[in-house]
C-alpha cells in the first residue's frame, strides 16, 4: 500500500520550497476550508502535501484554526500519514530551548475546540466515535523521526507529554508551575485537537516539537515572549526541516499496509452507528 505524507507546519515552518514539483490545490471539505491551500509535490519521490496550520501569513490564532478541515482535507487527498511541527515551551529542566522532542502523549487544557468529526451535524460521518486515545501518536513514524534527528546530531528527546492550552496568551507563572508538577514536558497551543482528529481519520500522526523557551516557570530566565520565541525558532525550524527531508524517504521505503489497515479498523470498531428498531 503506497504512502502519502501530509506535513502540517507550525509557526515559521511552512516553507513550500521543500517540495519538488509543487502544485497549489484548493480543497473544500464538509467542515469548511482548511487554513490555506494545499501544496502537493514530493520529497525524494515520496508524495507529500504541505499545509500551513495558521495560514502562510500566520493570520489564524490557535483557537480559530479549522483543525477539522485541515485534517479532513489531507485525508481527502489521500494522505496516510501526518507529520507535523509545533513550537513549544519546555516545562522540564533537562529539555532546553533549541532542542526537539518527539511527542508520545498529551494533556488537554483547551476549552473551545471541537474534537470529533462525528458530531451529528449535517455533513458529519454517521455515528459517534469513542476513539481510544491511550497511544495518540504513531510509534513507528515517531521512531523514524527520532532516529533521523540522532543521525543528524540534533539534540532530540524520545517521547514527551505535550500540554495544550487554549491560547493565544501564554501561561501564568502559577499555571506553568502546575503543568510542570503534573509531569508534562512541554506546553503549546495546537496539538489538541489535531492529534485526536488525525486518529479519528485513521492517519498515522507524529509530531516534532520545537522547544523555544522555558515558558513561565523558571525564575532565573526571562518568561516566554514572542520576540525570544522567534529568535530560537529560526534554528529549530532549520533542524526540523532537515529531519523531515531525511525521514520522509525512509517512511516511503517501508511497508505500511498493516499499520494503515489497523488505523482504519480502529476507527470502524469504535464508531457506534445509529440503530433502527
Protein backbone atom coordinates (compact mmCIF):
# COMPACT_ATOMS: atom_id res chain seq x y z
CA UNK A 1 0.00 0.00 0.00
CA UNK A 2 1.51 3.34 -1.06
CA UNK A 3 2.02 6.16 1.41
CA UNK A 4 1.33 9.85 1.07
CA UNK A 5 2.56 12.18 3.78
CA UNK A 6 0.78 15.29 4.96
CA UNK A 7 3.06 17.87 6.54
CA UNK A 8 1.45 20.46 8.78
CA UNK A 9 3.88 23.26 9.50
CA UNK A 10 3.56 25.33 12.64
CA UNK A 11 4.80 28.83 13.39
CA UNK A 12 7.60 29.72 10.97
CA UNK A 13 7.79 26.30 9.34
CA UNK A 14 5.57 26.13 6.29
CA UNK A 15 8.22 26.53 3.62
CA UNK A 16 6.70 25.32 0.33
CA UNK A 17 10.16 25.05 -1.26
CA UNK A 18 10.89 21.75 0.50
CA UNK A 19 8.62 20.07 -2.06
CA UNK A 20 9.65 19.23 -5.61
CA UNK A 21 7.13 19.57 -8.43
CA UNK A 22 4.90 21.61 -6.14
CA UNK A 23 1.37 22.42 -7.25
CA UNK A 24 -1.20 24.54 -5.41
CA UNK A 25 -4.50 22.80 -4.70
CA UNK A 26 -7.66 24.41 -3.31
CA UNK A 27 -9.80 21.99 -1.29
CA UNK A 28 -13.29 22.18 0.18
CA UNK A 29 -14.31 19.86 3.00
CA UNK A 30 -17.59 19.11 4.80
CA UNK A 31 -16.16 21.21 7.64
CA UNK A 32 -15.21 24.25 5.59
CA UNK A 33 -11.93 25.39 4.10
CA UNK A 34 -8.55 24.41 5.55
CA UNK A 35 -6.19 27.09 6.85
CA UNK A 36 -4.63 27.61 3.43
CA UNK A 37 -4.38 25.99 0.02
CA UNK A 38 -2.57 22.66 -0.08
CA UNK A 39 0.83 22.39 -1.76
CA UNK A 40 1.23 18.94 -3.31
CA UNK A 41 4.52 17.57 -4.58
CA UNK A 42 7.18 15.14 -3.47
CA UNK A 43 10.26 14.75 -1.32
CA UNK A 44 12.75 12.26 -2.80
CA UNK A 45 9.92 10.75 -4.83
CA UNK A 46 7.56 10.30 -1.86
CA UNK A 47 4.20 12.06 -2.44
CA UNK A 48 3.69 14.83 0.12
CA UNK A 49 1.17 17.55 0.87
CA UNK A 50 2.13 20.69 2.78
CA UNK A 51 -0.32 22.78 4.80
CA UNK A 52 0.39 25.86 6.93
CA UNK A 53 -1.52 25.36 10.18
CA UNK A 54 -2.07 29.07 10.82
CA UNK A 55 -2.10 30.09 7.15
CA UNK A 56 1.07 31.14 5.35
CA UNK A 57 0.79 34.67 6.72
CA UNK A 58 0.21 33.31 10.26
CA UNK A 59 -3.16 35.07 10.35
CA UNK A 60 -5.20 32.47 12.28
CA UNK A 61 -4.85 32.22 16.05
CA UNK A 62 -4.73 28.74 17.64
CA UNK A 63 -8.37 28.63 18.79
CA UNK A 64 -9.63 29.63 15.33
CA UNK A 65 -7.61 27.11 13.29
CA UNK A 66 -10.08 24.90 11.44
CA UNK A 67 -8.46 21.69 12.64
CA UNK A 68 -11.26 19.50 11.29
CA UNK A 69 -10.99 20.98 7.80
CA UNK A 70 -7.19 20.70 7.87
CA UNK A 71 -7.11 17.03 8.82
CA UNK A 72 -10.08 16.10 6.62
CA UNK A 73 -8.53 17.86 3.60
CA UNK A 74 -5.29 15.90 3.95
CA UNK A 75 -7.18 12.63 4.33
CA UNK A 76 -9.38 13.58 1.37
CA UNK A 77 -6.37 13.99 -0.95
CA UNK A 78 -5.06 10.55 0.03
CA UNK A 79 -2.64 11.12 2.91
CA UNK A 80 -1.85 8.09 5.05
CA UNK A 81 0.46 9.95 7.46
CA UNK A 82 0.59 13.33 9.15
CA UNK A 83 3.99 14.57 10.24
CA UNK A 84 3.74 17.93 11.96
CA UNK A 85 5.88 20.54 13.64
CA UNK A 86 4.87 22.68 16.59
CA UNK A 87 6.61 25.35 18.64
CA UNK A 88 6.50 24.81 22.39
CA UNK A 89 7.87 25.82 25.75
CA UNK A 90 9.84 23.47 28.00
CA UNK A 91 8.39 22.52 31.38
CA UNK A 92 11.39 20.46 32.50
CA UNK A 93 14.97 21.39 33.36
CA UNK A 94 16.55 18.81 31.05
CA UNK A 95 14.68 19.96 27.94
CA UNK A 96 16.45 23.04 26.60
CA UNK A 97 15.48 25.72 24.08
CA UNK A 98 16.79 24.76 20.65
CA UNK A 99 16.12 21.05 21.20
CA UNK A 100 13.49 18.77 19.66
CA UNK A 101 11.00 16.49 21.43
CA UNK A 102 9.28 13.65 19.56
CA UNK A 103 5.92 13.55 21.32
CA UNK A 104 4.11 10.45 22.53
CA UNK A 105 1.42 11.80 24.90
CA UNK A 106 -0.71 14.87 25.52
CA UNK A 107 -2.71 16.59 28.26
CA UNK A 108 -5.66 18.65 27.07
CA UNK A 109 -6.30 22.03 28.69
CA UNK A 110 -8.19 23.56 25.76
CA UNK A 111 -11.73 24.79 26.25
CA UNK A 112 -13.33 25.82 22.97
CA UNK A 113 -12.41 23.22 20.33
CA UNK A 114 -14.45 20.53 18.63
CA UNK A 115 -12.52 17.26 18.92
CA UNK A 116 -14.51 14.94 16.67
CA UNK A 117 -15.79 14.64 13.12
CA UNK A 118 -18.72 12.59 14.40
CA UNK A 119 -20.73 15.46 15.90
CA UNK A 120 -24.16 14.72 14.40
CA UNK A 121 -24.07 17.72 12.08
CA UNK A 122 -25.47 17.55 8.56
CA UNK A 123 -22.14 16.85 6.84
CA UNK A 124 -20.61 14.67 9.55
CA UNK A 125 -19.94 10.96 9.11
CA UNK A 126 -22.66 8.82 10.72
CA UNK A 127 -22.48 7.61 14.29
CA UNK A 128 -20.43 8.50 17.34
CA UNK A 129 -16.75 7.64 17.56
CA UNK A 130 -15.42 6.79 21.01
CA UNK A 131 -11.81 6.69 19.87
CA UNK A 132 -9.26 5.12 22.25
CA UNK A 133 -6.54 7.65 22.96
CA UNK A 134 -4.10 5.72 25.16
CA UNK A 135 -1.48 5.89 22.39
CA UNK A 136 -2.25 9.09 20.45
CA UNK A 137 0.88 9.17 18.28
CA UNK A 138 2.16 6.68 15.73
CA UNK A 139 5.07 4.84 17.32
CA UNK A 140 6.59 3.69 14.01
CA UNK A 141 6.63 7.14 12.46
CA UNK A 142 7.87 8.74 15.67
CA UNK A 143 10.77 6.27 15.89
CA UNK A 144 11.89 7.18 12.37
CA UNK A 145 11.83 10.89 13.22
CA UNK A 146 13.88 10.31 16.36
CA UNK A 147 16.43 8.09 14.60
CA UNK A 148 16.87 10.69 11.86
CA UNK A 149 17.38 13.50 14.36
CA UNK A 150 20.06 11.49 16.16
CA UNK A 151 21.80 10.63 12.88
CA UNK A 152 21.88 14.37 12.11
CA UNK A 153 23.39 15.04 15.58
CA UNK A 154 20.41 17.15 16.55
CA UNK A 155 19.65 17.19 20.28
CA UNK A 156 16.38 15.29 20.49
CA UNK A 157 14.26 13.74 23.25
CA UNK A 158 12.43 10.49 22.52
CA UNK A 159 8.94 10.70 23.95
CA UNK A 160 7.33 13.57 25.77
CA UNK A 161 3.95 14.78 27.00
CA UNK A 162 2.61 17.95 25.42
CA UNK A 163 0.19 20.01 27.46
CA UNK A 164 -2.00 22.06 25.12
CA UNK A 165 -3.52 25.30 26.39
CA UNK A 166 -6.19 27.36 24.66
CA UNK A 167 -4.10 30.45 23.99
CA UNK A 168 -3.41 32.82 22.43
CA UNK A 169 -1.95 34.07 25.71
CA UNK A 170 1.00 32.31 27.31
CA UNK A 171 0.76 30.63 30.73
CA UNK A 172 0.91 32.46 34.03
CA UNK A 173 3.78 31.54 36.33
CA UNK A 174 1.38 29.61 38.57
CA UNK A 175 -0.08 27.68 35.63
CA UNK A 176 3.36 26.86 34.28
CA UNK A 177 4.49 25.51 37.66
CA UNK A 178 1.29 23.47 37.94
CA UNK A 179 1.76 21.92 34.48
CA UNK A 180 5.35 21.13 35.36
CA UNK A 181 4.25 19.40 38.58
CA UNK A 182 1.92 17.18 36.56
CA UNK A 183 4.92 15.76 34.70
CA UNK A 184 4.19 17.40 31.35
CA UNK A 185 7.33 18.00 29.32
CA UNK A 186 6.21 20.81 27.01
CA UNK A 187 3.39 23.31 26.55
CA UNK A 188 1.85 24.57 23.30
CA UNK A 189 -1.46 25.68 21.78
CA UNK A 190 -2.10 23.33 18.84
CA UNK A 191 -1.51 19.60 19.48
CA UNK A 192 -5.12 19.18 20.62
CA UNK A 193 -7.40 18.61 18.78
CA UNK A 194 -5.11 17.95 15.78
CA UNK A 195 -3.76 14.63 17.09
CA UNK A 196 -7.24 13.47 18.14
CA UNK A 197 -8.76 14.24 14.74
CA UNK A 198 -5.88 12.55 12.94
CA UNK A 199 -6.58 9.36 14.87
CA UNK A 200 -10.29 9.59 14.04
CA UNK A 201 -9.32 9.98 10.39
CA UNK A 202 -7.22 6.80 10.54
CA UNK A 203 -3.94 8.61 9.92
CA UNK A 204 -0.51 7.82 11.38
CA UNK A 205 0.33 11.04 13.24
CA UNK A 206 3.73 12.07 14.57
CA UNK A 207 4.92 15.41 15.90
CA UNK A 208 8.24 17.22 16.07
CA UNK A 209 8.01 19.65 18.98
CA UNK A 210 10.46 22.53 18.67
CA UNK A 211 11.44 23.93 22.06
CA UNK A 212 11.82 27.71 22.03
CA UNK A 213 11.73 28.77 25.71
CA UNK A 214 11.15 27.72 29.33
CA UNK A 215 7.56 29.00 29.43
CA UNK A 216 6.98 30.95 32.70
CA UNK A 217 8.07 28.60 35.50
CA UNK A 218 11.80 29.22 35.60
CA UNK A 219 12.64 32.23 37.75
CA UNK A 220 16.24 32.68 36.57
CA UNK A 221 15.29 33.22 32.92
CA UNK A 222 13.03 35.67 31.14
CA UNK A 223 9.44 34.48 30.79
CA UNK A 224 8.22 33.44 27.36
CA UNK A 225 7.52 36.20 24.83
CA UNK A 226 7.13 36.34 21.07
CA UNK A 227 10.48 38.04 20.38
CA UNK A 228 12.53 35.38 22.17
CA UNK A 229 10.41 32.54 20.75
CA UNK A 230 11.04 33.64 17.17
CA UNK A 231 14.80 34.01 17.73
CA UNK A 232 15.14 30.40 18.85
CA UNK A 233 12.67 29.17 16.29
CA UNK A 234 14.88 30.09 13.32
CA UNK A 235 17.45 27.50 14.38
CA UNK A 236 14.78 24.98 15.32
CA UNK A 237 12.94 25.34 12.03
CA UNK A 238 16.09 24.53 10.07
CA UNK A 239 16.68 21.43 12.22
CA UNK A 240 13.08 20.29 11.78
CA UNK A 241 13.28 20.72 8.03
CA UNK A 242 16.45 18.62 7.91
CA UNK A 243 14.76 15.88 9.95
CA UNK A 244 11.78 15.87 7.59
CA UNK A 245 13.97 15.71 4.49
CA UNK A 246 15.80 12.69 5.92
CA UNK A 247 12.82 10.92 7.47
CA UNK A 248 10.26 11.13 4.67
CA UNK A 249 12.25 8.96 2.21
CA UNK A 250 12.68 6.37 4.99
CA UNK A 251 8.95 6.38 5.70
CA UNK A 252 8.31 5.93 1.99
CA UNK A 253 10.57 2.88 1.82
CA UNK A 254 8.68 0.90 4.45
CA UNK A 255 5.59 -1.27 4.06
CA UNK A 256 2.75 0.39 5.96
CA UNK A 257 -0.08 -1.88 4.83
CA UNK A 258 -0.71 -3.44 8.24
CA UNK A 259 -0.45 -0.11 10.06
CA UNK A 260 -2.83 1.65 7.67
CA UNK A 261 -5.32 -1.21 7.95
CA UNK A 262 -5.07 -1.22 11.74
CA UNK A 263 -5.72 2.53 11.83
CA UNK A 264 -8.83 2.16 9.68
CA UNK A 265 -10.06 -0.84 11.67
CA UNK A 266 -9.71 1.11 14.92
CA UNK A 267 -11.97 3.87 13.60
CA UNK A 268 -14.60 1.39 12.42
CA UNK A 269 -14.61 -0.74 15.55
CA UNK A 270 -15.00 2.27 17.83
CA UNK A 271 -17.76 4.01 15.87
CA UNK A 272 -21.28 3.34 17.14
CA UNK A 273 -23.78 3.67 14.29
CA UNK A 274 -27.41 4.64 14.88
CA UNK A 275 -29.70 1.64 15.40
CA UNK A 276 -33.09 1.31 13.78
CA UNK A 277 -35.66 -0.63 15.80
